[in-house]
Amino acid sequence: MKKEILGKYTLQTPLPEHAKQQAELQEIVFPTLSAEELITEEKYKRHLEIFPEGQFIVLDGDNVIASCTTLLQNYHKGHHTFLEISDDLWLGTHDPKADWIYGLDVSVHPDYQGKGIGREIYNARQDVAKALGCKGQMTAGMPIGYDKVKDQMTITEYCDKLIKGEIIDPTVTAQTKCGFILVEPLFDYLDDPRSGNCSVLMYWPLNPSTKLSENH
């Protein structure tokens, strides 16, 4: 895949030589994430061997300004963590016959946030889901807005208000505007104090009537 987006950037499947920049971008975008939960150069290269059509980068010239990692997975009711669903980020859990594209991350450089790049990446994911005959995409969004109110409420209370639409979160609310439907919080999903170590499971079906629970 390779196409121009927003009139000035290129969205494409990464090449192995982009892996170093992708790994560097992770450290910039997720400064409070634990080291073992950051995708390394070696792992980015492995992703291209396992599921190349599910990996994206956005370039401004030769610079990687955004990156996205996905695999194919079915929905399994019950708790899972970021490292469990991704085989410690090696994508050994990728299932070519699965119903959903599972988005592990979308990383957009801070200098390029708010320009619609993330939305373009989510749209590209939907295109891949359609091409592969999947039901759509699911992901777990980090409620990073919790960091500003952590002295006022617990992460459980924050997620409850977020799912009910009573508060706005910089990341999760933006994802709902793209088309995602919030399902439930995944507590202790990752090691990131900014989001209370939590993420919110969500999905975006190709068919609006499809429910996540319909998975095999």
C-alpha atoms as a PDB file:
ATOM      1  CA  MET A   1       0.000   0.000   0.000  1.00  0.00           C
ATOM      2  CA  LYS A   2       1.153   3.489  -0.825  1.00  0.00           C
ATOM      3  CA  LYS A   3      -0.973   6.590  -1.177  1.00  0.00           C
ATOM      4  CA  GLU A   4      -0.899  10.324  -0.566  1.00  0.00           C
ATOM      5  CA  ILE A   5      -2.946  11.622   2.373  1.00  0.00           C
ATOM      6  CA  LEU A   6      -3.941  15.109   3.448  1.00  0.00           C
ATOM      7  CA  GLY A   7      -2.297  16.483   0.316  1.00  0.00           C
ATOM      8  CA  LYS A   8       1.236  16.333   1.685  1.00  0.00           C
ATOM      9  CA  TYR A   9       2.091  13.028   3.396  1.00  0.00           C
ATOM     10  CA  THR A  10       2.552   9.440   2.228  1.00  0.00           C
ATOM     11  CA  LEU A  11       0.823   6.519   3.920  1.00  0.00           C
ATOM     12  CA  GLN A  12       2.438   3.228   3.000  1.00  0.00           C
ATOM     13  CA  THR A  13       3.544  -0.225   4.075  1.00  0.00           C
ATOM     14  CA  PRO A  14       6.887   0.249   5.870  1.00  0.00           C
ATOM     15  CA  LEU A  15      10.156  -1.141   4.572  1.00  0.00           C
ATOM     16  CA  PRO A  16      12.738  -2.805   6.846  1.00  0.00           C
ATOM     17  CA  GLU A  17      14.873   0.339   6.689  1.00  0.00           C
ATOM     18  CA  HIS A  18      12.053   2.320   8.341  1.00  0.00           C
ATOM     19  CA  ALA A  19      12.139   0.150  11.484  1.00  0.00           C
ATOM     20  CA  LYS A  20      14.762   2.239  13.272  1.00  0.00           C
ATOM     21  CA  GLN A  21      12.705   5.415  12.894  1.00  0.00           C
ATOM     22  CA  GLN A  22       9.558   3.565  13.981  1.00  0.00           C
ATOM     23  CA  ALA A  23      11.257   2.414  17.175  1.00  0.00           C
ATOM     24  CA  GLU A  24      12.515   5.931  17.884  1.00  0.00           C
ATOM     25  CA  LEU A  25       8.999   7.296  17.344  1.00  0.00           C
ATOM     26  CA  GLN A  26       7.620   4.907  19.973  1.00  0.00           C
ATOM     27  CA  GLU A  27       9.865   6.399  22.637  1.00  0.00           C
ATOM     28  CA  ILE A  28       8.741   9.913  21.726  1.00  0.00           C
ATOM     29  CA  VAL A  29       5.009   9.191  21.616  1.00  0.00           C
ATOM     30  CA  PHE A  30       4.850   6.891  24.655  1.00  0.00           C
ATOM     31  CA  PRO A  31       7.377   8.374  27.118  1.00  0.00           C
ATOM     32  CA  THR A  32       5.797   6.762  30.198  1.00  0.00           C
ATOM     33  CA  LEU A  33       5.278   3.277  28.744  1.00  0.00           C
ATOM     34  CA  SER A  34       7.475   0.532  30.210  1.00  0.00           C
ATOM     35  CA  ALA A  35      10.529  -0.427  28.166  1.00  0.00           C
ATOM     36  CA  GLU A  36       9.320  -3.969  27.460  1.00  0.00           C
ATOM     37  CA  GLU A  37       6.105  -2.566  25.976  1.00  0.00           C
ATOM     38  CA  LEU A  38       7.867  -0.401  23.402  1.00  0.00           C
ATOM     39  CA  ILE A  39       8.242  -1.962  19.955  1.00  0.00           C
ATOM     40  CA  THR A  40      11.896  -2.368  18.972  1.00  0.00           C
ATOM     41  CA  GLU A  41      13.535  -2.149  15.568  1.00  0.00           C
ATOM     42  CA  GLU A  42      13.963  -5.918  15.465  1.00  0.00           C
ATOM     43  CA  LYS A  43      10.293  -6.507  16.244  1.00  0.00           C
ATOM     44  CA  TYR A  44       9.129  -4.032  13.588  1.00  0.00           C
ATOM     45  CA  LYS A  45      11.088  -6.000  11.007  1.00  0.00           C
ATOM     46  CA  ARG A  46       9.504  -9.224  12.225  1.00  0.00           C
ATOM     47  CA  HIS A  47       6.020  -7.717  11.817  1.00  0.00           C
ATOM     48  CA  LEU A  48       6.675  -7.247   8.113  1.00  0.00           C
ATOM     49  CA  GLU A  49       7.421 -10.947   7.780  1.00  0.00           C
ATOM     50  CA  ILE A  50       4.235 -12.000   9.603  1.00  0.00           C
ATOM     51  CA  PHE A  51       1.543  -9.545   8.461  1.00  0.00           C
ATOM     52  CA  PRO A  52       2.916  -6.880   6.087  1.00  0.00           C
ATOM     53  CA  GLU A  53      -0.480  -5.676   4.853  1.00  0.00           C
ATOM     54  CA  GLY A  54      -1.454  -4.736   8.404  1.00  0.00           C
ATOM     55  CA  GLN A  55       1.502  -2.435   9.081  1.00  0.00           C
ATOM     56  CA  PHE A  56       1.537   1.265   8.125  1.00  0.00           C
ATOM     57  CA  ILE A  57       3.752   4.292   8.370  1.00  0.00           C
ATOM     58  CA  VAL A  58       3.202   7.899   7.357  1.00  0.00           C
ATOM     59  CA  LEU A  59       6.105   9.794   5.832  1.00  0.00           C
ATOM     60  CA  ASP A  60       6.826  13.496   5.578  1.00  0.00           C
ATOM     61  CA  GLY A  61       9.529  13.302   2.953  1.00  0.00           C
ATOM     62  CA  ASP A  62      11.878  10.629   4.279  1.00  0.00           C
ATOM     63  CA  ASN A  63      10.855  11.069   7.927  1.00  0.00           C
ATOM     64  CA  VAL A  64       8.537   8.610   9.674  1.00  0.00           C
ATOM     65  CA  ILE A  65       5.969  10.804  11.430  1.00  0.00           C
ATOM     66  CA  ALA A  66       3.418   8.100  12.246  1.00  0.00           C
ATOM     67  CA  SER A  67       3.324   4.336  12.592  1.00  0.00           C
ATOM     68  CA  CYS A  68       0.764   1.612  13.139  1.00  0.00           C
ATOM     69  CA  THR A  69       1.037  -2.063  14.133  1.00  0.00           C
ATOM     70  CA  THR A  70      -1.742  -4.634  13.746  1.00  0.00           C
ATOM     71  CA  LEU A  71      -2.402  -8.359  13.741  1.00  0.00           C
ATOM     72  CA  LEU A  72      -5.442 -10.539  13.103  1.00  0.00           C
ATOM     73  CA  GLN A  73      -7.248 -11.864  16.179  1.00  0.00           C
ATOM     74  CA  ASN A  74     -10.660 -13.066  17.279  1.00  0.00           C
ATOM     75  CA  TYR A  75     -12.464 -11.534  20.227  1.00  0.00           C
ATOM     76  CA  HIS A  76     -12.092 -13.605  23.370  1.00  0.00           C
ATOM     77  CA  LYS A  77     -14.253 -12.412  26.219  1.00  0.00           C
ATOM     78  CA  GLY A  78     -12.214 -11.881  29.340  1.00  0.00           C
ATOM     79  CA  HIS A  79      -9.109  -9.996  30.307  1.00  0.00           C
ATOM     80  CA  HIS A  80      -5.909  -9.894  28.304  1.00  0.00           C
ATOM     81  CA  THR A  81      -2.857  -7.665  28.398  1.00  0.00           C
ATOM     82  CA  PHE A  82      -0.965  -5.788  25.713  1.00  0.00           C
ATOM     83  CA  LEU A  83       1.926  -8.236  25.836  1.00  0.00           C
ATOM     84  CA  GLU A  84      -0.318 -11.312  25.923  1.00  0.00           C
ATOM     85  CA  ILE A  85      -2.326 -10.347  22.841  1.00  0.00           C
ATOM     86  CA  SER A  86       0.853  -9.518  20.904  1.00  0.00           C
ATOM     87  CA  ASP A  87       3.176 -12.352  21.995  1.00  0.00           C
ATOM     88  CA  ASP A  88       5.449  -9.817  23.699  1.00  0.00           C
ATOM     89  CA  LEU A  89       5.139  -7.666  20.548  1.00  0.00           C
ATOM     90  CA  TRP A  90       6.518 -10.376  18.225  1.00  0.00           C
ATOM     91  CA  LEU A  91       3.033 -11.015  16.698  1.00  0.00           C
ATOM     92  CA  GLY A  92       3.252 -14.755  17.233  1.00  0.00           C
ATOM     93  CA  THR A  93      -0.449 -14.585  18.172  1.00  0.00           C
ATOM     94  CA  HIS A  94      -1.395 -13.424  14.655  1.00  0.00           C
ATOM     95  CA  ASP A  95      -4.189 -15.648  13.289  1.00  0.00           C
ATOM     96  CA  PRO A  96      -4.609 -15.371   9.490  1.00  0.00           C
ATOM     97  CA  LYS A  97      -8.140 -16.820   9.777  1.00  0.00           C
ATOM     98  CA  ALA A  98      -9.339 -14.446  12.491  1.00  0.00           C
ATOM     99  CA  ASP A  99     -12.330 -12.125  12.123  1.00  0.00           C
ATOM    100  CA  TRP A 100     -10.878  -8.848  13.324  1.00  0.00           C
ATOM    101  CA  ILE A 101      -7.878  -6.633  12.772  1.00  0.00           C
ATOM    102  CA  TYR A 102      -6.467  -5.900  16.227  1.00  0.00           C
ATOM    103  CA  GLY A 103      -4.645  -2.586  16.411  1.00  0.00           C
ATOM    104  CA  LEU A 104      -1.736  -2.638  18.840  1.00  0.00           C
ATOM    105  CA  ASP A 105      -0.873   1.019  18.449  1.00  0.00           C
ATOM    106  CA  VAL A 106      -1.080   4.199  16.449  1.00  0.00           C
ATOM    107  CA  SER A 107       1.919   6.465  16.989  1.00  0.00           C
ATOM    108  CA  VAL A 108       1.812  10.012  15.643  1.00  0.00           C
ATOM    109  CA  HIS A 109       4.717  12.366  16.327  1.00  0.00           C
ATOM    110  CA  PRO A 110       3.617  15.212  18.664  1.00  0.00           C
ATOM    111  CA  ASP A 111       4.498  17.811  16.013  1.00  0.00           C
ATOM    112  CA  TYR A 112       1.979  16.211  13.649  1.00  0.00           C
ATOM    113  CA  GLN A 113      -0.885  15.424  16.003  1.00  0.00           C
ATOM    114  CA  GLY A 114      -4.254  17.044  15.430  1.00  0.00           C
ATOM    115  CA  LYS A 115      -3.897  17.040  11.641  1.00  0.00           C
ATOM    116  CA  GLY A 116      -6.078  14.012  10.923  1.00  0.00           C
ATOM    117  CA  ILE A 117      -3.233  11.538  10.436  1.00  0.00           C
ATOM    118  CA  GLY A 118      -4.574   9.101  13.006  1.00  0.00           C
ATOM    119  CA  ARG A 119      -7.976   9.067  11.304  1.00  0.00           C
ATOM    120  CA  GLU A 120      -6.295   8.288   7.982  1.00  0.00           C
ATOM    121  CA  ILE A 121      -4.544   5.320   9.584  1.00  0.00           C
ATOM    122  CA  TYR A 122      -7.785   3.998  11.081  1.00  0.00           C
ATOM    123  CA  ASN A 123      -9.469   4.359   7.686  1.00  0.00           C
ATOM    124  CA  ALA A 124      -6.615   2.426   6.085  1.00  0.00           C
ATOM    125  CA  ARG A 125      -7.146  -0.328   8.639  1.00  0.00           C
ATOM    126  CA  GLN A 126     -10.802  -0.540   7.650  1.00  0.00           C
ATOM    127  CA  ASP A 127      -9.803  -0.844   4.000  1.00  0.00           C
ATOM    128  CA  VAL A 128      -7.540  -3.770   4.874  1.00  0.00           C
ATOM    129  CA  ALA A 129     -10.267  -5.369   6.996  1.00  0.00           C
ATOM    130  CA  LYS A 130     -12.652  -5.174   4.050  1.00  0.00           C
ATOM    131  CA  ALA A 131     -10.075  -6.536   1.607  1.00  0.00           C
ATOM    132  CA  LEU A 132      -9.365  -9.500   3.885  1.00  0.00           C
ATOM    133  CA  GLY A 133     -13.021 -10.253   4.570  1.00  0.00           C
ATOM    134  CA  CYS A 134     -12.779  -9.316   8.247  1.00  0.00           C
ATOM    135  CA  LYS A 135     -15.609  -7.908  10.347  1.00  0.00           C
ATOM    136  CA  GLY A 136     -13.714  -4.713  11.115  1.00  0.00           C
ATOM    137  CA  GLN A 137     -11.104  -3.637  13.630  1.00  0.00           C
ATOM    138  CA  MET A 138     -10.737  -3.637  17.375  1.00  0.00           C
ATOM    139  CA  THR A 139      -8.186  -2.028  19.629  1.00  0.00           C
ATOM    140  CA  ALA A 140      -7.539  -0.996  23.221  1.00  0.00           C
ATOM    141  CA  GLY A 141      -7.204   2.773  23.603  1.00  0.00           C
ATOM    142  CA  MET A 142      -5.119   4.375  26.324  1.00  0.00           C
ATOM    143  CA  PRO A 143      -7.160   6.843  28.430  1.00  0.00           C
ATOM    144  CA  ILE A 144      -4.266   9.261  28.837  1.00  0.00           C
ATOM    145  CA  GLY A 145      -6.544  12.005  30.161  1.00  0.00           C
ATOM    146  CA  TYR A 146      -6.688  10.146  33.455  1.00  0.00           C
ATOM    147  CA  ASP A 147      -3.301  11.573  34.378  1.00  0.00           C
ATOM    148  CA  LYS A 148      -4.872  15.011  34.920  1.00  0.00           C
ATOM    149  CA  VAL A 149      -7.654  13.801  37.210  1.00  0.00           C
ATOM    150  CA  LYS A 150      -6.034  10.858  38.997  1.00  0.00           C
ATOM    151  CA  ASP A 151      -6.231  12.714  42.328  1.00  0.00           C
ATOM    152  CA  GLN A 152      -9.990  13.150  41.894  1.00  0.00           C
ATOM    153  CA  MET A 153     -11.141   9.637  40.939  1.00  0.00           C
ATOM    154  CA  THR A 154     -10.032   6.063  40.427  1.00  0.00           C
ATOM    155  CA  ILE A 155      -9.305   4.652  36.986  1.00  0.00           C
ATOM    156  CA  THR A 156     -12.448   2.524  37.368  1.00  0.00           C
ATOM    157  CA  GLU A 157     -14.557   5.633  37.902  1.00  0.00           C
ATOM    158  CA  TYR A 158     -12.812   7.410  35.025  1.00  0.00           C
ATOM    159  CA  CYS A 159     -13.485   4.583  32.571  1.00  0.00           C
ATOM    160  CA  ASP A 160     -17.095   4.286  33.714  1.00  0.00           C
ATOM    161  CA  LYS A 161     -17.682   7.985  33.016  1.00  0.00           C
ATOM    162  CA  LEU A 162     -15.797   7.718  29.740  1.00  0.00           C
ATOM    163  CA  ILE A 163     -17.852   4.788  28.451  1.00  0.00           C
ATOM    164  CA  LYS A 164     -21.070   6.572  29.478  1.00  0.00           C
ATOM    165  CA  GLY A 165     -19.939   9.666  27.547  1.00  0.00           C
ATOM    166  CA  GLU A 166     -19.815  11.864  30.647  1.00  0.00           C
ATOM    167  CA  ILE A 167     -16.176  12.929  30.169  1.00  0.00           C
ATOM    168  CA  ILE A 168     -13.840  13.487  27.239  1.00  0.00           C
ATOM    169  CA  ASP A 169     -10.472  11.777  26.883  1.00  0.00           C
ATOM    170  CA  PRO A 170      -7.856  13.044  24.384  1.00  0.00           C
ATOM    171  CA  THR A 171      -7.257   9.584  22.938  1.00  0.00           C
ATOM    172  CA  VAL A 172     -10.331   7.452  23.546  1.00  0.00           C
ATOM    173  CA  THR A 173     -12.886  10.121  22.632  1.00  0.00           C
ATOM    174  CA  ALA A 174     -10.974  10.852  19.421  1.00  0.00           C
ATOM    175  CA  GLN A 175     -11.202   7.163  18.556  1.00  0.00           C
ATOM    176  CA  THR A 176     -14.979   7.148  19.027  1.00  0.00           C
ATOM    177  CA  LYS A 177     -15.209  10.070  16.604  1.00  0.00           C
ATOM    178  CA  CYS A 178     -13.507   7.876  14.004  1.00  0.00           C
ATOM    179  CA  GLY A 179     -16.198   5.226  14.433  1.00  0.00           C
ATOM    180  CA  PHE A 180     -15.134   3.065  17.372  1.00  0.00           C
ATOM    181  CA  ILE A 181     -17.670   1.696  19.866  1.00  0.00           C
ATOM    182  CA  LEU A 182     -16.460   1.412  23.461  1.00  0.00           C
ATOM    183  CA  VAL A 183     -16.876  -1.983  25.136  1.00  0.00           C
ATOM    184  CA  GLU A 184     -15.132  -2.260  28.494  1.00  0.00           C
ATOM    185  CA  PRO A 185     -11.991  -1.240  30.396  1.00  0.00           C
ATOM    186  CA  LEU A 186      -9.039  -3.621  30.438  1.00  0.00           C
ATOM    187  CA  PHE A 187      -7.404  -2.947  33.797  1.00  0.00           C
ATOM    188  CA  ASP A 188      -3.677  -3.660  34.122  1.00  0.00           C
ATOM    189  CA  TYR A 189      -3.533  -3.947  30.319  1.00  0.00           C
ATOM    190  CA  LEU A 190      -0.131  -2.274  30.238  1.00  0.00           C
ATOM    191  CA  ASP A 191       2.397  -0.529  32.448  1.00  0.00           C
ATOM    192  CA  ASP A 192       1.720   3.163  31.913  1.00  0.00           C
ATOM    193  CA  PRO A 193       0.888   5.373  34.910  1.00  0.00           C
ATOM    194  CA  ARG A 194      -0.427   8.155  32.682  1.00  0.00           C
ATOM    195  CA  SER A 195      -3.423   5.974  31.763  1.00  0.00           C
ATOM    196  CA  GLY A 196      -3.731   4.235  35.124  1.00  0.00           C
ATOM    197  CA  ASN A 197      -2.232   1.075  33.549  1.00  0.00           C
ATOM    198  CA  CYS A 198      -5.545   0.688  31.772  1.00  0.00           C
ATOM    199  CA  SER A 199      -6.891   0.663  28.221  1.00  0.00           C
ATOM    200  CA  VAL A 200     -10.446   0.636  26.896  1.00  0.00           C
ATOM    201  CA  LEU A 201     -11.452  -2.155  24.527  1.00  0.00           C
ATOM    202  CA  MET A 202     -13.342  -0.890  21.481  1.00  0.00           C
ATOM    203  CA  TYR A 203     -14.313  -2.008  18.006  1.00  0.00           C
ATOM    204  CA  TRP A 204     -15.305  -0.512  14.652  1.00  0.00           C
ATOM    205  CA  PRO A 205     -17.351  -2.934  12.542  1.00  0.00           C
ATOM    206  CA  LEU A 206     -17.630  -2.740   8.776  1.00  0.00           C
ATOM    207  CA  ASN A 207     -21.309  -3.587   9.160  1.00  0.00           C
ATOM    208  CA  PRO A 208     -22.935  -1.362  11.815  1.00  0.00           C
ATOM    209  CA  SER A 209     -25.118  -4.259  12.966  1.00  0.00           C
ATOM    210  CA  THR A 210     -22.136  -6.498  13.759  1.00  0.00           C
ATOM    211  CA  LYS A 211     -21.403  -6.919  17.456  1.00  0.00           C
ATOM    212  CA  LEU A 212     -18.015  -7.833  18.866  1.00  0.00           C
ATOM    213  CA  SER A 213     -19.562 -10.768  20.742  1.00  0.00           C
ATOM    214  CA  GLU A 214     -20.427 -12.398  17.422  1.00  0.00           C
ATOM    215  CA  ASN A 215     -16.848 -13.549  17.032  1.00  0.00           C
ATOM    216  CA  HIS A 216     -16.045 -17.256  16.792  1.00  0.00           C
END
